[in-house]
Amino acid sequence: MFTGIIETLGEVARLHTNAGNLDITIKSNITSELKIDQSVAHNGVCLTVVAIEGDHYTVTAIEETLQKTSLKNLKVGDRVNLERAMILGSRLDGHLVQGHVDQTGVCTNVTEKDGSWFFSFEYDPSKGNPTIEKGSITIDGTSLTVVNSGVNTFQVAIIPYTYNNTRFNSYEKGTVVNLEFDVIGKYVAKLMQVRG
């Protein structure tokens, strides 16, 4: 379980295809604090640490994860949003994030306004994932509040701190991102669907 508050950025150092899986080696300033078998969210995708060497660690994304997320688009040198699993008993600064990406979305517009930024996104509504005005959404692992919610579109407002300390400063029209919709909203939508 995660909070959607990005701890740091890592850099993709190596990519190695292993059958249908992808081994991803990340250079990070938190590597010395990691352990093998620990869960870390990478652009919002929960992956398990399988190897550690110096300031590099390796995780494996299985074929299903690659099909459902933007991890398949990673290249050596790309920056990745990183968050370690939350510690029970401390403040929950973002919202409850599972690290299970529901689907990808595409950035359709970036607008700067008075020192902040509005990012617009589109996604496939046929998968049944709703956005809720002023509800929570996770974009590449970052916990955010939805504004201007539509059937298959929404916006988020980004403050300078988030812009400077996450991948948001590299997003442009056409950037593919990982989306995890609010877990409570998903359960409510599913219950409503079941009850007709």
N, C-alpha and C. Protein backbone atom coordinates (compact mmCIF):
# COMPACT_ATOMS: atom_id res chain seq x y z
N MET A 1 0.85 -1.18 0.00
CA MET A 1 0.00 0.00 0.00
C MET A 1 0.89 1.24 0.00
N PHE A 2 0.48 2.25 -0.75
CA PHE A 2 1.26 3.47 -0.90
C PHE A 2 0.37 4.68 -0.62
N THR A 3 0.97 5.86 -0.64
CA THR A 3 0.21 7.09 -0.38
C THR A 3 0.13 7.99 -1.59
N GLY A 4 0.95 7.76 -2.60
CA GLY A 4 0.96 8.62 -3.76
C GLY A 4 1.80 9.87 -3.58
N ILE A 5 2.59 9.91 -2.52
CA ILE A 5 3.53 11.01 -2.30
C ILE A 5 4.90 10.53 -2.77
N ILE A 6 5.36 11.07 -3.89
CA ILE A 6 6.61 10.61 -4.50
C ILE A 6 7.78 10.96 -3.61
N GLU A 7 8.62 9.95 -3.31
CA GLU A 7 9.80 10.16 -2.45
C GLU A 7 10.96 10.76 -3.20
N THR A 8 11.22 10.23 -4.37
CA THR A 8 12.39 10.65 -5.14
C THR A 8 12.23 10.19 -6.58
N LEU A 9 13.13 10.64 -7.41
CA LEU A 9 13.19 10.17 -8.79
C LEU A 9 14.36 9.21 -8.93
N GLY A 10 14.18 8.15 -9.70
CA GLY A 10 15.27 7.24 -10.05
C GLY A 10 15.55 7.37 -11.53
N GLU A 11 16.63 6.75 -11.97
CA GLU A 11 16.98 6.77 -13.39
C GLU A 11 17.15 5.35 -13.88
N VAL A 12 16.54 5.04 -15.02
CA VAL A 12 16.67 3.70 -15.60
C VAL A 12 18.11 3.54 -16.09
N ALA A 13 18.81 2.56 -15.50
CA ALA A 13 20.22 2.32 -15.85
C ALA A 13 20.38 1.17 -16.84
N ARG A 14 19.45 0.19 -16.77
CA ARG A 14 19.58 -0.98 -17.65
C ARG A 14 18.20 -1.62 -17.81
N LEU A 15 17.94 -2.15 -18.99
CA LEU A 15 16.73 -2.91 -19.28
C LEU A 15 17.14 -4.23 -19.89
N HIS A 16 16.58 -5.32 -19.36
CA HIS A 16 16.96 -6.64 -19.85
C HIS A 16 15.70 -7.49 -20.00
N THR A 17 15.43 -7.94 -21.23
CA THR A 17 14.28 -8.80 -21.47
C THR A 17 14.63 -10.22 -21.05
N ASN A 18 13.72 -10.82 -20.27
CA ASN A 18 13.93 -12.16 -19.75
C ASN A 18 12.65 -12.95 -20.03
N ALA A 19 12.63 -13.72 -21.12
CA ALA A 19 11.41 -14.37 -21.63
C ALA A 19 10.40 -13.26 -21.88
N GLY A 20 9.20 -13.33 -21.28
CA GLY A 20 8.20 -12.27 -21.48
C GLY A 20 8.31 -11.15 -20.48
N ASN A 21 9.25 -11.24 -19.56
CA ASN A 21 9.40 -10.26 -18.49
C ASN A 21 10.46 -9.21 -18.84
N LEU A 22 10.46 -8.13 -18.09
CA LEU A 22 11.46 -7.08 -18.27
C LEU A 22 12.12 -6.79 -16.93
N ASP A 23 13.44 -7.03 -16.84
CA ASP A 23 14.21 -6.65 -15.66
C ASP A 23 14.61 -5.19 -15.82
N ILE A 24 14.26 -4.38 -14.82
CA ILE A 24 14.52 -2.94 -14.87
C ILE A 24 15.49 -2.60 -13.75
N THR A 25 16.66 -2.09 -14.10
CA THR A 25 17.65 -1.68 -13.10
C THR A 25 17.60 -0.16 -12.98
N ILE A 26 17.44 0.28 -11.73
CA ILE A 26 17.25 1.70 -11.41
C ILE A 26 18.42 2.19 -10.56
N LYS A 27 18.94 3.36 -10.91
CA LYS A 27 19.91 4.06 -10.06
C LYS A 27 19.11 5.03 -9.20
N SER A 28 19.31 4.95 -7.87
CA SER A 28 18.49 5.76 -6.98
C SER A 28 19.24 6.13 -5.70
N ASN A 29 18.88 7.26 -5.14
CA ASN A 29 19.48 7.68 -3.87
C ASN A 29 18.85 6.97 -2.67
N ILE A 30 17.84 6.12 -2.87
CA ILE A 30 17.27 5.36 -1.76
C ILE A 30 17.68 3.89 -1.80
N THR A 31 18.51 3.50 -2.77
CA THR A 31 18.88 2.09 -2.92
C THR A 31 19.48 1.52 -1.64
N SER A 32 20.32 2.29 -0.95
CA SER A 32 20.98 1.78 0.27
C SER A 32 19.97 1.45 1.37
N GLU A 33 18.75 1.97 1.28
CA GLU A 33 17.72 1.72 2.30
C GLU A 33 16.78 0.59 1.90
N LEU A 34 16.96 0.03 0.69
CA LEU A 34 16.07 -1.02 0.22
C LEU A 34 16.56 -2.40 0.63
N LYS A 35 15.63 -3.37 0.59
CA LYS A 35 15.95 -4.77 0.84
C LYS A 35 15.35 -5.60 -0.28
N ILE A 36 15.96 -6.73 -0.55
CA ILE A 36 15.38 -7.67 -1.51
C ILE A 36 14.03 -8.13 -0.98
N ASP A 37 13.04 -8.27 -1.85
CA ASP A 37 11.65 -8.62 -1.56
C ASP A 37 10.81 -7.43 -1.13
N GLN A 38 11.38 -6.22 -1.09
CA GLN A 38 10.62 -5.03 -0.70
C GLN A 38 9.84 -4.50 -1.89
N SER A 39 8.66 -3.95 -1.64
CA SER A 39 7.83 -3.36 -2.69
C SER A 39 8.16 -1.89 -2.86
N VAL A 40 8.31 -1.47 -4.12
CA VAL A 40 8.54 -0.07 -4.46
C VAL A 40 7.64 0.26 -5.64
N ALA A 41 6.98 1.42 -5.59
CA ALA A 41 6.15 1.87 -6.71
C ALA A 41 7.02 2.62 -7.71
N HIS A 42 6.93 2.22 -8.97
CA HIS A 42 7.68 2.82 -10.08
C HIS A 42 6.67 3.42 -11.04
N ASN A 43 6.60 4.76 -11.10
CA ASN A 43 5.54 5.42 -11.87
C ASN A 43 4.18 4.83 -11.51
N GLY A 44 4.02 4.52 -10.22
CA GLY A 44 2.75 4.00 -9.72
C GLY A 44 2.56 2.51 -9.80
N VAL A 45 3.53 1.78 -10.33
CA VAL A 45 3.43 0.33 -10.48
C VAL A 45 4.22 -0.34 -9.35
N CYS A 46 3.54 -1.14 -8.54
CA CYS A 46 4.20 -1.85 -7.44
C CYS A 46 5.03 -3.00 -8.00
N LEU A 47 6.34 -2.95 -7.76
CA LEU A 47 7.25 -4.01 -8.21
C LEU A 47 8.14 -4.42 -7.04
N THR A 48 8.64 -5.65 -7.08
CA THR A 48 9.45 -6.20 -6.00
C THR A 48 10.93 -6.11 -6.33
N VAL A 49 11.71 -5.64 -5.36
CA VAL A 49 13.16 -5.57 -5.52
C VAL A 49 13.71 -6.99 -5.54
N VAL A 50 14.47 -7.34 -6.61
CA VAL A 50 15.01 -8.69 -6.74
C VAL A 50 16.53 -8.73 -6.64
N ALA A 51 17.20 -7.57 -6.76
CA ALA A 51 18.66 -7.52 -6.67
C ALA A 51 19.09 -6.10 -6.31
N ILE A 52 20.20 -6.02 -5.57
CA ILE A 52 20.76 -4.72 -5.18
C ILE A 52 22.27 -4.78 -5.41
N GLU A 53 22.80 -3.73 -6.04
CA GLU A 53 24.25 -3.64 -6.26
C GLU A 53 24.65 -2.18 -6.23
N GLY A 54 25.35 -1.78 -5.16
CA GLY A 54 25.76 -0.39 -5.02
C GLY A 54 24.55 0.51 -4.94
N ASP A 55 24.51 1.55 -5.79
CA ASP A 55 23.36 2.45 -5.78
C ASP A 55 22.33 2.08 -6.85
N HIS A 56 22.41 0.82 -7.34
CA HIS A 56 21.46 0.31 -8.32
C HIS A 56 20.66 -0.85 -7.72
N TYR A 57 19.39 -0.94 -8.09
CA TYR A 57 18.59 -2.11 -7.71
C TYR A 57 17.77 -2.53 -8.93
N THR A 58 17.32 -3.78 -8.90
CA THR A 58 16.59 -4.33 -10.04
C THR A 58 15.23 -4.84 -9.60
N VAL A 59 14.23 -4.59 -10.43
CA VAL A 59 12.88 -5.11 -10.25
C VAL A 59 12.48 -5.80 -11.56
N THR A 60 11.47 -6.66 -11.49
CA THR A 60 11.01 -7.37 -12.68
C THR A 60 9.55 -7.06 -12.93
N ALA A 61 9.24 -6.63 -14.15
CA ALA A 61 7.85 -6.42 -14.58
C ALA A 61 7.45 -7.61 -15.44
N ILE A 62 6.38 -8.29 -15.06
CA ILE A 62 5.92 -9.44 -15.84
C ILE A 62 5.17 -8.96 -17.08
N GLU A 63 4.92 -9.88 -17.99
CA GLU A 63 4.30 -9.54 -19.28
C GLU A 63 2.96 -8.83 -19.11
N GLU A 64 2.13 -9.30 -18.17
CA GLU A 64 0.83 -8.66 -17.94
C GLU A 64 0.99 -7.20 -17.52
N THR A 65 1.96 -6.94 -16.64
CA THR A 65 2.22 -5.57 -16.20
C THR A 65 2.66 -4.71 -17.37
N LEU A 66 3.50 -5.25 -18.22
CA LEU A 66 3.97 -4.51 -19.38
C LEU A 66 2.83 -4.18 -20.34
N GLN A 67 1.88 -5.10 -20.47
CA GLN A 67 0.75 -4.87 -21.37
C GLN A 67 -0.19 -3.79 -20.84
N LYS A 68 -0.33 -3.68 -19.51
CA LYS A 68 -1.32 -2.78 -18.92
C LYS A 68 -0.77 -1.42 -18.51
N THR A 69 0.55 -1.24 -18.55
CA THR A 69 1.15 0.00 -18.06
C THR A 69 2.07 0.62 -19.10
N SER A 70 2.60 1.77 -18.75
CA SER A 70 3.54 2.46 -19.65
C SER A 70 4.98 2.01 -19.44
N LEU A 71 5.21 1.04 -18.54
CA LEU A 71 6.59 0.58 -18.30
C LEU A 71 7.23 0.01 -19.56
N LYS A 72 6.42 -0.51 -20.47
CA LYS A 72 6.96 -1.07 -21.72
C LYS A 72 7.64 0.00 -22.56
N ASN A 73 7.36 1.28 -22.29
CA ASN A 73 7.94 2.39 -23.06
C ASN A 73 9.23 2.92 -22.46
N LEU A 74 9.68 2.37 -21.33
CA LEU A 74 10.88 2.87 -20.68
C LEU A 74 12.11 2.72 -21.56
N LYS A 75 13.00 3.71 -21.44
CA LYS A 75 14.29 3.67 -22.12
C LYS A 75 15.38 3.97 -21.10
N VAL A 76 16.60 3.50 -21.35
CA VAL A 76 17.72 3.82 -20.48
C VAL A 76 17.86 5.34 -20.43
N GLY A 77 18.01 5.85 -19.20
CA GLY A 77 18.12 7.30 -18.99
C GLY A 77 16.82 7.95 -18.58
N ASP A 78 15.68 7.26 -18.75
CA ASP A 78 14.40 7.83 -18.33
C ASP A 78 14.36 8.00 -16.81
N ARG A 79 13.68 9.04 -16.36
CA ARG A 79 13.44 9.23 -14.93
C ARG A 79 12.15 8.53 -14.54
N VAL A 80 12.12 8.02 -13.31
CA VAL A 80 10.98 7.25 -12.81
C VAL A 80 10.60 7.79 -11.44
N ASN A 81 9.28 8.02 -11.22
CA ASN A 81 8.79 8.39 -9.89
C ASN A 81 8.89 7.17 -8.97
N LEU A 82 9.47 7.35 -7.78
CA LEU A 82 9.64 6.25 -6.83
C LEU A 82 8.97 6.56 -5.50
N GLU A 83 8.32 5.53 -4.94
CA GLU A 83 7.77 5.60 -3.59
C GLU A 83 7.87 4.23 -2.95
N ARG A 84 8.43 4.20 -1.74
CA ARG A 84 8.42 2.95 -0.98
C ARG A 84 7.06 2.78 -0.31
N ALA A 85 6.75 1.55 0.09
CA ALA A 85 5.46 1.26 0.73
C ALA A 85 5.30 2.10 2.00
N MET A 86 4.05 2.45 2.28
CA MET A 86 3.77 3.27 3.45
C MET A 86 4.05 2.50 4.74
N ILE A 87 4.32 3.26 5.79
CA ILE A 87 4.53 2.68 7.11
C ILE A 87 3.26 2.89 7.91
N LEU A 88 2.64 1.83 8.38
CA LEU A 88 1.44 1.97 9.20
C LEU A 88 1.78 2.72 10.49
N GLY A 89 0.92 3.63 10.86
CA GLY A 89 1.15 4.38 12.09
C GLY A 89 1.68 5.78 11.84
N SER A 90 1.95 6.12 10.57
CA SER A 90 2.39 7.48 10.28
C SER A 90 1.30 8.20 9.49
N ARG A 91 1.49 9.47 9.23
CA ARG A 91 0.49 10.26 8.52
C ARG A 91 0.29 9.74 7.11
N LEU A 92 -0.94 9.79 6.64
CA LEU A 92 -1.28 9.43 5.27
C LEU A 92 -1.46 10.74 4.52
N ASP A 93 -0.38 11.21 3.88
CA ASP A 93 -0.41 12.53 3.26
C ASP A 93 -1.12 12.57 1.92
N GLY A 94 -1.18 11.47 1.20
CA GLY A 94 -1.85 11.46 -0.10
C GLY A 94 -3.21 10.80 0.03
N HIS A 95 -3.39 9.64 -0.60
CA HIS A 95 -4.59 8.84 -0.42
C HIS A 95 -4.17 7.38 -0.52
N LEU A 96 -5.08 6.45 -0.25
CA LEU A 96 -4.73 5.04 -0.31
C LEU A 96 -4.49 4.62 -1.75
N VAL A 97 -3.26 4.21 -2.02
CA VAL A 97 -2.83 3.82 -3.37
C VAL A 97 -2.34 2.38 -3.30
N GLN A 98 -2.85 1.53 -4.17
CA GLN A 98 -2.48 0.12 -4.13
C GLN A 98 -1.23 -0.19 -4.95
N GLY A 99 -0.89 0.64 -5.89
CA GLY A 99 0.23 0.33 -6.77
C GLY A 99 -0.16 -0.63 -7.87
N HIS A 100 -1.48 -0.77 -8.10
CA HIS A 100 -2.03 -1.64 -9.13
C HIS A 100 -2.66 -0.74 -10.19
N VAL A 101 -1.94 -0.51 -11.25
CA VAL A 101 -2.39 0.41 -12.30
C VAL A 101 -3.64 -0.15 -12.97
N ASP A 102 -4.66 0.70 -13.13
CA ASP A 102 -5.91 0.28 -13.77
C ASP A 102 -5.82 0.35 -15.28
N GLN A 103 -5.16 1.37 -15.79
CA GLN A 103 -5.01 1.54 -17.22
C GLN A 103 -4.08 2.72 -17.48
N THR A 104 -3.76 2.93 -18.74
CA THR A 104 -2.95 4.09 -19.10
C THR A 104 -3.86 5.20 -19.60
N GLY A 105 -3.31 6.40 -19.60
CA GLY A 105 -3.99 7.57 -20.16
C GLY A 105 -2.98 8.35 -20.98
N VAL A 106 -3.46 9.37 -21.66
CA VAL A 106 -2.59 10.19 -22.52
C VAL A 106 -2.77 11.65 -22.16
N CYS A 107 -1.66 12.35 -22.00
CA CYS A 107 -1.69 13.78 -21.75
C CYS A 107 -2.14 14.48 -23.04
N THR A 108 -3.16 15.33 -22.93
CA THR A 108 -3.69 16.00 -24.11
C THR A 108 -3.38 17.49 -24.13
N ASN A 109 -2.99 18.05 -22.97
CA ASN A 109 -2.70 19.49 -22.94
C ASN A 109 -1.99 19.83 -21.64
N VAL A 110 -1.09 20.81 -21.72
CA VAL A 110 -0.41 21.36 -20.54
C VAL A 110 -0.53 22.87 -20.62
N THR A 111 -1.09 23.48 -19.57
CA THR A 111 -1.27 24.94 -19.54
C THR A 111 -0.67 25.49 -18.27
N GLU A 112 0.22 26.47 -18.40
CA GLU A 112 0.78 27.14 -17.22
C GLU A 112 -0.13 28.30 -16.86
N LYS A 113 -0.42 28.46 -15.55
CA LYS A 113 -1.30 29.54 -15.11
C LYS A 113 -0.85 30.03 -13.74
N ASP A 114 -0.34 31.24 -13.71
CA ASP A 114 0.03 31.92 -12.47
C ASP A 114 0.95 31.07 -11.58
N GLY A 115 1.96 30.45 -12.16
CA GLY A 115 2.93 29.70 -11.39
C GLY A 115 2.58 28.26 -11.12
N SER A 116 1.43 27.82 -11.57
CA SER A 116 1.03 26.42 -11.47
C SER A 116 0.74 25.91 -12.88
N TRP A 117 0.40 24.63 -12.99
CA TRP A 117 0.15 24.02 -14.28
C TRP A 117 -1.12 23.19 -14.22
N PHE A 118 -1.89 23.22 -15.32
CA PHE A 118 -3.03 22.34 -15.49
C PHE A 118 -2.68 21.32 -16.56
N PHE A 119 -2.79 20.04 -16.21
CA PHE A 119 -2.53 18.95 -17.13
C PHE A 119 -3.86 18.27 -17.45
N SER A 120 -4.14 18.09 -18.73
CA SER A 120 -5.36 17.42 -19.17
C SER A 120 -5.01 16.01 -19.66
N PHE A 121 -5.90 15.06 -19.37
CA PHE A 121 -5.67 13.67 -19.75
C PHE A 121 -6.94 13.07 -20.33
N GLU A 122 -6.76 12.10 -21.23
CA GLU A 122 -7.85 11.27 -21.76
C GLU A 122 -7.54 9.82 -21.44
N TYR A 123 -8.61 9.03 -21.29
CA TYR A 123 -8.45 7.60 -21.05
C TYR A 123 -9.63 6.86 -21.65
N ASP A 124 -9.50 5.56 -21.79
CA ASP A 124 -10.54 4.72 -22.37
C ASP A 124 -11.63 4.46 -21.33
N PRO A 125 -12.84 5.02 -21.51
CA PRO A 125 -13.89 4.86 -20.50
C PRO A 125 -14.52 3.47 -20.51
N SER A 126 -14.27 2.66 -21.53
CA SER A 126 -14.90 1.34 -21.62
C SER A 126 -14.42 0.39 -20.52
N LYS A 127 -13.33 0.74 -19.86
CA LYS A 127 -12.82 -0.12 -18.78
C LYS A 127 -13.57 0.12 -17.46
N GLY A 128 -14.47 1.11 -17.44
CA GLY A 128 -15.35 1.31 -16.29
C GLY A 128 -14.72 2.03 -15.12
N ASN A 129 -13.63 2.74 -15.34
CA ASN A 129 -12.97 3.46 -14.25
C ASN A 129 -13.44 4.92 -14.23
N PRO A 130 -14.12 5.32 -13.16
CA PRO A 130 -14.65 6.69 -13.11
C PRO A 130 -13.68 7.67 -12.45
N THR A 131 -13.72 8.91 -12.93
CA THR A 131 -13.11 9.99 -12.16
C THR A 131 -14.26 10.76 -11.51
N ILE A 132 -13.98 11.33 -10.37
CA ILE A 132 -14.99 12.06 -9.60
C ILE A 132 -14.44 13.44 -9.33
N GLU A 133 -15.24 14.46 -9.61
CA GLU A 133 -14.82 15.84 -9.35
C GLU A 133 -14.37 15.99 -7.90
N LYS A 134 -13.17 16.51 -7.73
CA LYS A 134 -12.52 16.69 -6.42
C LYS A 134 -12.17 15.36 -5.76
N GLY A 135 -12.26 14.26 -6.50
CA GLY A 135 -11.84 12.96 -5.98
C GLY A 135 -10.36 12.75 -6.24
N SER A 136 -9.85 11.63 -5.80
CA SER A 136 -8.42 11.33 -5.94
C SER A 136 -8.15 10.50 -7.19
N ILE A 137 -6.96 10.71 -7.74
CA ILE A 137 -6.45 9.88 -8.83
C ILE A 137 -4.94 9.81 -8.67
N THR A 138 -4.35 8.72 -9.14
CA THR A 138 -2.90 8.58 -9.12
C THR A 138 -2.40 8.56 -10.55
N ILE A 139 -1.49 9.48 -10.86
CA ILE A 139 -0.87 9.55 -12.18
C ILE A 139 0.61 9.25 -12.02
N ASP A 140 1.07 8.16 -12.63
CA ASP A 140 2.46 7.71 -12.47
C ASP A 140 2.87 7.69 -11.00
N GLY A 141 1.93 7.27 -10.16
CA GLY A 141 2.22 7.12 -8.74
C GLY A 141 2.02 8.37 -7.91
N THR A 142 1.67 9.50 -8.51
CA THR A 142 1.51 10.76 -7.79
C THR A 142 0.05 10.96 -7.42
N SER A 143 -0.24 11.12 -6.13
CA SER A 143 -1.59 11.34 -5.63
C SER A 143 -2.03 12.77 -5.96
N LEU A 144 -3.17 12.88 -6.66
CA LEU A 144 -3.65 14.19 -7.10
C LEU A 144 -5.16 14.28 -6.97
N THR A 145 -5.68 15.51 -7.07
CA THR A 145 -7.12 15.77 -7.02
C THR A 145 -7.64 16.05 -8.42
N VAL A 146 -8.73 15.40 -8.79
CA VAL A 146 -9.34 15.56 -10.10
C VAL A 146 -10.09 16.88 -10.17
N VAL A 147 -9.89 17.61 -11.28
CA VAL A 147 -10.72 18.77 -11.60
C VAL A 147 -11.24 18.59 -13.02
N ASN A 148 -12.38 19.20 -13.31
CA ASN A 148 -12.98 19.13 -14.64
C ASN A 148 -13.14 17.69 -15.12
N SER A 149 -13.77 16.88 -14.29
CA SER A 149 -13.99 15.47 -14.61
C SER A 149 -15.02 15.32 -15.72
N GLY A 150 -14.67 14.51 -16.74
CA GLY A 150 -15.61 14.20 -17.82
C GLY A 150 -15.74 12.70 -17.97
N VAL A 151 -16.43 12.27 -19.02
CA VAL A 151 -16.66 10.84 -19.24
C VAL A 151 -15.35 10.11 -19.44
N ASN A 152 -14.44 10.69 -20.21
CA ASN A 152 -13.15 10.04 -20.48
C ASN A 152 -11.99 11.03 -20.36
N THR A 153 -12.24 12.15 -19.69
CA THR A 153 -11.22 13.18 -19.54
C THR A 153 -11.24 13.74 -18.13
N PHE A 154 -10.12 14.31 -17.75
CA PHE A 154 -10.03 15.03 -16.48
C PHE A 154 -8.79 15.90 -16.52
N GLN A 155 -8.70 16.80 -15.56
CA GLN A 155 -7.52 17.63 -15.39
C GLN A 155 -7.02 17.50 -13.96
N VAL A 156 -5.75 17.83 -13.78
CA VAL A 156 -5.18 17.99 -12.45
C VAL A 156 -4.39 19.29 -12.43
N ALA A 157 -4.36 19.92 -11.28
CA ALA A 157 -3.58 21.14 -11.10
C ALA A 157 -2.31 20.78 -10.35
N ILE A 158 -1.17 21.24 -10.84
CA ILE A 158 0.13 20.87 -10.29
C ILE A 158 0.82 22.11 -9.72
N ILE A 159 1.19 22.02 -8.45
CA ILE A 159 1.92 23.12 -7.81
C ILE A 159 3.40 23.03 -8.17
N PRO A 160 4.16 24.11 -8.00
CA PRO A 160 5.58 24.09 -8.37
C PRO A 160 6.38 22.97 -7.71
N TYR A 161 6.13 22.66 -6.44
CA TYR A 161 6.89 21.60 -5.77
C TYR A 161 6.72 20.27 -6.51
N THR A 162 5.48 19.90 -6.80
CA THR A 162 5.21 18.65 -7.50
C THR A 162 5.81 18.68 -8.90
N TYR A 163 5.68 19.80 -9.58
CA TYR A 163 6.23 19.95 -10.93
C TYR A 163 7.74 19.73 -10.93
N ASN A 164 8.43 20.26 -9.93
CA ASN A 164 9.89 20.19 -9.89
C ASN A 164 10.44 18.88 -9.34
N ASN A 165 9.62 18.11 -8.62
CA ASN A 165 10.13 16.92 -7.94
C ASN A 165 9.51 15.61 -8.42
N THR A 166 8.80 15.65 -9.53
CA THR A 166 8.24 14.43 -10.13
C THR A 166 8.47 14.50 -11.64
N ARG A 167 7.96 13.51 -12.35
CA ARG A 167 8.10 13.47 -13.81
C ARG A 167 7.20 14.48 -14.52
N PHE A 168 6.33 15.19 -13.79
CA PHE A 168 5.41 16.10 -14.45
C PHE A 168 6.13 17.14 -15.31
N ASN A 169 7.33 17.53 -14.94
CA ASN A 169 8.03 18.55 -15.74
C ASN A 169 8.50 18.02 -17.08
N SER A 170 8.33 16.72 -17.33
CA SER A 170 8.71 16.17 -18.65
C SER A 170 7.48 15.81 -19.49
N TYR A 171 6.28 15.95 -18.92
CA TYR A 171 5.07 15.59 -19.66
C TYR A 171 4.77 16.64 -20.74
N GLU A 172 4.31 16.14 -21.86
CA GLU A 172 3.87 17.00 -22.96
C GLU A 172 2.71 16.30 -23.64
N LYS A 173 2.09 16.97 -24.59
CA LYS A 173 0.98 16.36 -25.32
C LYS A 173 1.45 15.04 -25.93
N GLY A 174 0.70 13.96 -25.65
CA GLY A 174 1.04 12.63 -26.17
C GLY A 174 1.76 11.73 -25.19
N THR A 175 2.21 12.26 -24.04
CA THR A 175 2.88 11.42 -23.03
C THR A 175 1.89 10.40 -22.47
N VAL A 176 2.29 9.13 -22.46
CA VAL A 176 1.46 8.06 -21.90
C VAL A 176 1.81 7.90 -20.42
N VAL A 177 0.77 7.86 -19.57
CA VAL A 177 0.97 7.76 -18.13
C VAL A 177 0.17 6.59 -17.56
N ASN A 178 0.57 6.14 -16.38
CA ASN A 178 -0.15 5.11 -15.66
C ASN A 178 -1.21 5.75 -14.78
N LEU A 179 -2.43 5.21 -14.80
CA LEU A 179 -3.52 5.73 -13.99
C LEU A 179 -4.00 4.67 -13.01
N GLU A 180 -4.09 5.05 -11.75
CA GLU A 180 -4.78 4.23 -10.75
C GLU A 180 -5.91 5.08 -10.20
N PHE A 181 -7.13 4.64 -10.45
CA PHE A 181 -8.29 5.39 -10.02
C PHE A 181 -8.54 5.15 -8.54
N ASP A 182 -9.28 6.07 -7.92
CA ASP A 182 -9.53 6.00 -6.48
C ASP A 182 -10.20 4.68 -6.10
N VAL A 183 -9.60 3.96 -5.16
CA VAL A 183 -10.07 2.62 -4.81
C VAL A 183 -11.49 2.64 -4.26
N ILE A 184 -11.84 3.65 -3.48
CA ILE A 184 -13.20 3.73 -2.93
C ILE A 184 -14.19 3.99 -4.06
N GLY A 185 -13.84 4.91 -4.97
CA GLY A 185 -14.70 5.19 -6.11
C GLY A 185 -14.92 3.95 -6.97
N LYS A 186 -13.87 3.15 -7.15
CA LYS A 186 -13.99 1.92 -7.95
C LYS A 186 -14.95 0.94 -7.30
N TYR A 187 -14.85 0.78 -5.97
CA TYR A 187 -15.74 -0.15 -5.27
C TYR A 187 -17.18 0.32 -5.33
N VAL A 188 -17.41 1.62 -5.14
CA VAL A 188 -18.77 2.17 -5.21
C VAL A 188 -19.34 1.96 -6.61
N ALA A 189 -18.55 2.27 -7.65
CA ALA A 189 -19.01 2.11 -9.03
C ALA A 189 -19.36 0.64 -9.31
N LYS A 190 -18.54 -0.28 -8.81
CA LYS A 190 -18.79 -1.71 -9.03
C LYS A 190 -20.08 -2.15 -8.32
N LEU A 191 -20.28 -1.69 -7.09
CA LEU A 191 -21.50 -2.04 -6.35
C LEU A 191 -22.73 -1.51 -7.04
N MET A 192 -22.64 -0.28 -7.57
CA MET A 192 -23.77 0.31 -8.28
C MET A 192 -24.07 -0.51 -9.54
N GLN A 193 -23.03 -0.96 -10.22
CA GLN A 193 -23.20 -1.75 -11.44
C GLN A 193 -23.87 -3.09 -11.11
N VAL A 194 -23.43 -3.74 -10.03
CA VAL A 194 -23.97 -5.04 -9.63
C VAL A 194 -25.44 -4.91 -9.25
N ARG A 195 -25.79 -3.81 -8.56
CA ARG A 195 -27.16 -3.62 -8.09
C ARG A 195 -28.06 -3.05 -9.16
N GLY A 196 -27.50 -2.69 -10.32
CA GLY A 196 -28.30 -2.21 -11.43
C GLY A 196 -28.68 -0.78 -11.25
